[in-house]
N, C-alpha and C. Protein backbone atom coordinates (compact mmCIF):
# COMPACT_ATOMS: atom_id res chain seq x y z
N UNK A 1 92.15 92.70 71.64
CA UNK A 1 92.25 93.40 73.25
C UNK A 1 92.88 92.62 73.96
N UNK A 2 92.36 90.82 73.24
CA UNK A 2 92.96 89.70 74.40
C UNK A 2 94.49 89.84 74.39
N UNK A 3 94.81 90.24 73.72
CA UNK A 3 96.79 90.12 73.17
C UNK A 3 96.90 91.43 74.33
N UNK A 4 96.17 92.85 74.57
CA UNK A 4 96.45 93.26 75.56
C UNK A 4 96.62 93.46 76.79
N UNK A 5 95.51 92.32 77.31
CA UNK A 5 95.59 92.53 78.78
C UNK A 5 96.68 90.86 79.15
N UNK A 6 97.04 90.16 77.97
CA UNK A 6 97.72 89.07 78.79
C UNK A 6 98.99 89.49 78.27
N UNK A 7 99.69 90.62 77.79
CA UNK A 7 100.69 91.25 77.75
C UNK A 7 101.40 91.51 79.19
N UNK A 8 103.04 91.12 79.10
CA UNK A 8 103.82 91.19 80.73
C UNK A 8 103.33 92.38 81.04
N UNK A 9 103.37 93.84 80.55
CA UNK A 9 103.33 95.20 80.86
C UNK A 9 102.17 95.02 81.70
N UNK A 10 101.07 94.68 81.06
CA UNK A 10 99.65 94.93 81.74
C UNK A 10 100.11 94.39 83.19
N UNK A 11 100.04 93.22 83.28
CA UNK A 11 100.23 92.84 84.83
C UNK A 11 101.58 93.34 85.36
N UNK A 12 102.46 93.87 85.44
CA UNK A 12 103.31 95.07 85.71
C UNK A 12 102.68 96.45 86.02
N UNK A 13 102.11 96.70 85.56
CA UNK A 13 101.23 97.84 85.38
C UNK A 13 100.37 97.48 86.90
N UNK A 14 99.66 96.56 86.58
CA UNK A 14 98.92 95.97 87.92
C UNK A 14 99.51 95.83 89.50
N UNK A 15 100.73 95.41 89.11
CA UNK A 15 101.32 95.12 90.45
C UNK A 15 101.81 96.37 91.15
N UNK A 16 102.32 97.21 89.99
CA UNK A 16 102.72 98.63 90.42
C UNK A 16 101.64 99.55 91.15
N UNK A 17 100.69 99.30 90.83
CA UNK A 17 99.18 100.40 91.31
C UNK A 17 99.50 99.34 92.86
N UNK A 18 99.21 98.02 92.96
CA UNK A 18 98.99 97.02 94.04
C UNK A 18 99.98 97.95 94.81
N UNK A 19 101.42 97.58 94.83
CA UNK A 19 102.64 98.36 95.33
C UNK A 19 101.93 99.76 95.91
N UNK A 20 102.23 100.75 94.94
CA UNK A 20 101.62 101.98 95.64
C UNK A 20 100.58 101.47 96.54
N UNK A 21 99.26 101.28 96.24
CA UNK A 21 98.62 101.47 97.68
C UNK A 21 99.16 100.24 99.02
N UNK A 22 99.91 99.63 98.81
CA UNK A 22 100.88 98.81 100.38
C UNK A 22 101.49 99.95 100.24
N UNK A 23 102.49 100.75 100.21
CA UNK A 23 103.05 101.41 100.43
C UNK A 23 102.49 102.41 101.07
N UNK A 24 101.39 102.93 100.55
CA UNK A 24 100.50 104.30 100.91
C UNK A 24 99.87 103.24 102.65
N UNK A 25 99.24 102.34 102.40
CA UNK A 25 99.02 101.95 103.79
C UNK A 25 99.54 101.74 104.30
N UNK A 26 101.31 101.01 104.41
CA UNK A 26 102.29 100.48 105.27
C UNK A 26 102.50 102.36 106.16
N UNK A 27 102.17 103.15 105.51
CA UNK A 27 102.62 104.54 106.56
C UNK A 27 102.04 104.94 107.37
N UNK A 28 100.23 104.10 107.59
CA UNK A 28 99.69 103.82 108.82
C UNK A 28 99.50 103.24 109.38
N UNK A 29 100.79 102.33 109.53
CA UNK A 29 100.63 101.04 110.91
C UNK A 29 101.50 101.92 111.92
N UNK A 30 100.83 101.47 112.60
CA UNK A 30 102.05 101.58 114.22
C UNK A 30 103.03 101.28 114.52
N UNK A 31 103.39 101.10 113.63
CA UNK A 31 105.19 100.52 113.85
C UNK A 31 106.54 101.94 114.04
N UNK A 32 107.42 101.54 114.33
CA UNK A 32 108.37 102.32 114.31
C UNK A 32 108.54 103.07 113.09
N UNK A 33 108.64 104.42 112.96
CA UNK A 33 109.25 105.43 111.94
C UNK A 33 109.75 104.66 110.71
N UNK A 34 110.74 104.54 110.96
CA UNK A 34 112.54 103.68 110.41
C UNK A 34 111.93 102.77 109.43
N UNK A 35 111.48 101.86 110.10
CA UNK A 35 111.04 100.41 110.06
C UNK A 35 110.07 100.95 108.65
N UNK A 36 109.16 101.33 108.64
CA UNK A 36 108.07 101.69 107.42
C UNK A 36 108.58 102.45 106.76
N UNK A 37 109.50 103.61 107.09
CA UNK A 37 110.21 103.81 106.01
C UNK A 37 111.31 103.23 105.11
N UNK A 38 112.13 101.94 105.86
CA UNK A 38 112.89 101.37 105.11
C UNK A 38 112.08 100.46 104.21
N UNK A 39 110.48 99.67 104.92
CA UNK A 39 109.47 99.39 104.12
C UNK A 39 109.13 100.08 102.63
N UNK A 40 108.77 101.15 102.54
CA UNK A 40 108.16 101.80 101.66
C UNK A 40 109.20 102.60 100.68
N UNK A 41 110.91 102.64 101.42
CA UNK A 41 111.78 102.39 100.16
C UNK A 41 112.21 101.39 99.58
N UNK A 42 112.05 100.11 100.27
CA UNK A 42 112.27 98.82 99.46
C UNK A 42 110.95 98.76 98.86
N UNK A 43 110.07 98.94 98.57
CA UNK A 43 108.59 98.76 97.54
C UNK A 43 109.17 99.42 96.53
N UNK A 44 109.89 101.14 96.83
CA UNK A 44 109.83 102.25 95.77
C UNK A 44 111.35 101.29 94.93
N UNK A 45 112.39 100.94 95.53
CA UNK A 45 113.22 100.35 94.73
C UNK A 45 112.63 98.84 93.46
N UNK A 46 111.78 98.15 94.37
CA UNK A 46 110.72 97.16 93.55
C UNK A 46 110.51 98.05 92.09
N UNK A 47 109.75 99.01 92.85
CA UNK A 47 108.68 99.46 91.32
C UNK A 47 109.73 99.98 90.63
N UNK A 48 110.62 100.71 90.85
CA UNK A 48 111.87 100.95 89.53
C UNK A 48 112.44 100.14 89.30
N UNK A 49 112.65 98.95 89.76
CA UNK A 49 113.33 97.87 88.86
C UNK A 49 112.28 97.54 87.98
N UNK A 50 111.02 97.33 87.99
CA UNK A 50 110.09 97.06 87.13
C UNK A 50 109.81 97.65 86.39
N UNK A 51 109.57 99.07 86.71
CA UNK A 51 109.72 99.99 85.22
C UNK A 51 110.72 100.20 84.53
N UNK A 52 112.21 99.99 85.20
CA UNK A 52 113.18 99.95 84.36
C UNK A 52 113.36 98.37 83.39
N UNK A 53 112.90 97.35 84.08
CA UNK A 53 112.90 96.57 83.13
C UNK A 53 111.91 96.25 82.30
N UNK A 54 111.02 96.46 82.49
CA UNK A 54 109.30 96.31 81.77
C UNK A 54 108.77 97.58 80.68
N UNK A 55 109.25 98.92 81.08
CA UNK A 55 108.44 99.91 80.15
C UNK A 55 109.92 100.33 79.37
N UNK A 56 111.04 100.42 80.13
CA UNK A 56 112.20 100.98 79.11
C UNK A 56 112.82 99.87 78.63
N UNK A 57 112.35 98.74 78.33
CA UNK A 57 112.42 97.40 77.98
C UNK A 57 114.07 97.15 78.35
N UNK A 58 114.65 97.43 79.50
CA UNK A 58 115.69 96.65 79.64
C UNK A 58 115.96 95.14 80.01
N UNK A 59 114.53 94.82 80.10
CA UNK A 59 114.92 93.24 79.75
C UNK A 59 115.82 92.34 79.19
N UNK A 60 115.65 93.15 77.73
CA UNK A 60 115.73 92.55 76.46
C UNK A 60 117.61 93.28 76.17
N UNK A 61 118.02 94.39 77.75
CA UNK A 61 119.36 94.80 76.77
C UNK A 61 120.51 94.13 77.35
N UNK A 62 121.77 94.14 76.29
CA UNK A 62 122.83 93.80 77.06
C UNK A 62 122.72 93.78 78.65
N UNK A 63 123.64 92.71 79.08
CA UNK A 63 124.05 92.36 80.52
C UNK A 63 124.73 93.32 81.02
N UNK A 64 125.53 93.89 80.66
CA UNK A 64 126.22 94.94 81.21
C UNK A 64 125.51 96.28 81.43
N UNK A 65 124.91 96.70 80.77
CA UNK A 65 123.92 97.82 80.67
C UNK A 65 122.59 97.51 81.45
N UNK A 66 121.94 96.19 82.02
CA UNK A 66 121.10 95.88 83.04
C UNK A 66 121.67 95.66 84.51
N UNK A 67 123.14 95.57 84.32
CA UNK A 67 123.76 95.14 85.51
C UNK A 67 123.97 96.86 86.03
N UNK A 68 124.40 97.49 85.35
CA UNK A 68 124.62 99.03 85.76
C UNK A 68 123.06 99.79 86.25
N UNK A 69 122.34 98.82 85.56
CA UNK A 69 121.10 100.14 86.14
C UNK A 69 120.28 98.86 87.64
N UNK A 70 120.63 97.79 87.60
CA UNK A 70 120.46 96.98 88.58
C UNK A 70 120.83 97.82 89.81
N UNK A 71 121.84 97.75 89.59
CA UNK A 71 123.10 97.83 90.57
C UNK A 71 123.16 99.19 91.41
N UNK A 72 122.47 100.52 90.05
CA UNK A 72 122.40 101.83 90.47
C UNK A 72 121.07 101.51 91.50
N UNK A 73 119.81 100.88 91.25
CA UNK A 73 118.73 100.86 91.92
C UNK A 73 119.18 100.31 93.74
N UNK A 74 120.14 98.65 93.35
CA UNK A 74 120.60 98.55 94.97
C UNK A 74 121.10 99.60 95.92
N UNK A 75 122.15 100.38 94.83
CA UNK A 75 123.19 101.64 95.59
C UNK A 75 122.09 102.42 95.97
N UNK A 76 120.75 102.85 95.18
CA UNK A 76 120.18 104.23 95.62
C UNK A 76 119.45 103.49 96.74
N UNK A 77 118.54 102.61 96.85
CA UNK A 77 117.85 102.37 97.82
C UNK A 77 118.59 101.37 98.99
N UNK A 78 119.89 100.97 99.05
CA UNK A 78 120.75 100.78 100.62
C UNK A 78 120.99 102.02 101.06
N UNK A 79 121.46 103.10 99.90
CA UNK A 79 121.78 103.96 100.58
C UNK A 79 121.21 105.34 101.18
N UNK A 80 119.88 105.25 100.84
CA UNK A 80 118.63 105.92 101.19
C UNK A 80 118.26 105.08 102.59
N UNK A 81 118.35 103.96 103.05
CA UNK A 81 117.82 103.05 104.13
C UNK A 81 119.22 104.05 105.05
N UNK A 82 120.20 103.41 104.53
CA UNK A 82 121.39 103.52 105.40
C UNK A 82 121.77 105.07 105.95
N UNK A 83 121.31 105.74 105.16
CA UNK A 83 120.83 107.31 105.59
C UNK A 83 119.82 107.21 106.86
N UNK A 84 118.79 107.31 106.76
CA UNK A 84 117.79 107.13 107.40
C UNK A 84 118.19 106.13 108.76
N UNK A 85 119.03 105.55 108.96
CA UNK A 85 119.31 104.47 110.11
C UNK A 85 120.24 105.03 110.88
N UNK A 86 121.58 105.84 109.92
CA UNK A 86 122.45 106.54 110.51
C UNK A 86 121.93 107.61 111.27
N UNK A 87 121.16 108.57 110.52
CA UNK A 87 120.59 109.91 110.80
C UNK A 87 120.19 110.21 111.68
């Protein structure tokens, strides 16, 4: 049981839950809607990256494959934020 608690995936799982809560709470802030939306998209990109690296085991993948997935996360997050600001 102790080795399960001290495993990296356990810490990432707890952080994912915490970021989900932060994203939920951020939607209730009295800031502009586009700023909150960009923050929530950023948090979602961080969560996607952690899921890809730790639960799909891309942390140990070849560098090219890892760069493709991390580039995809950056591209999609940037595209979503750009579409929101331009639209």
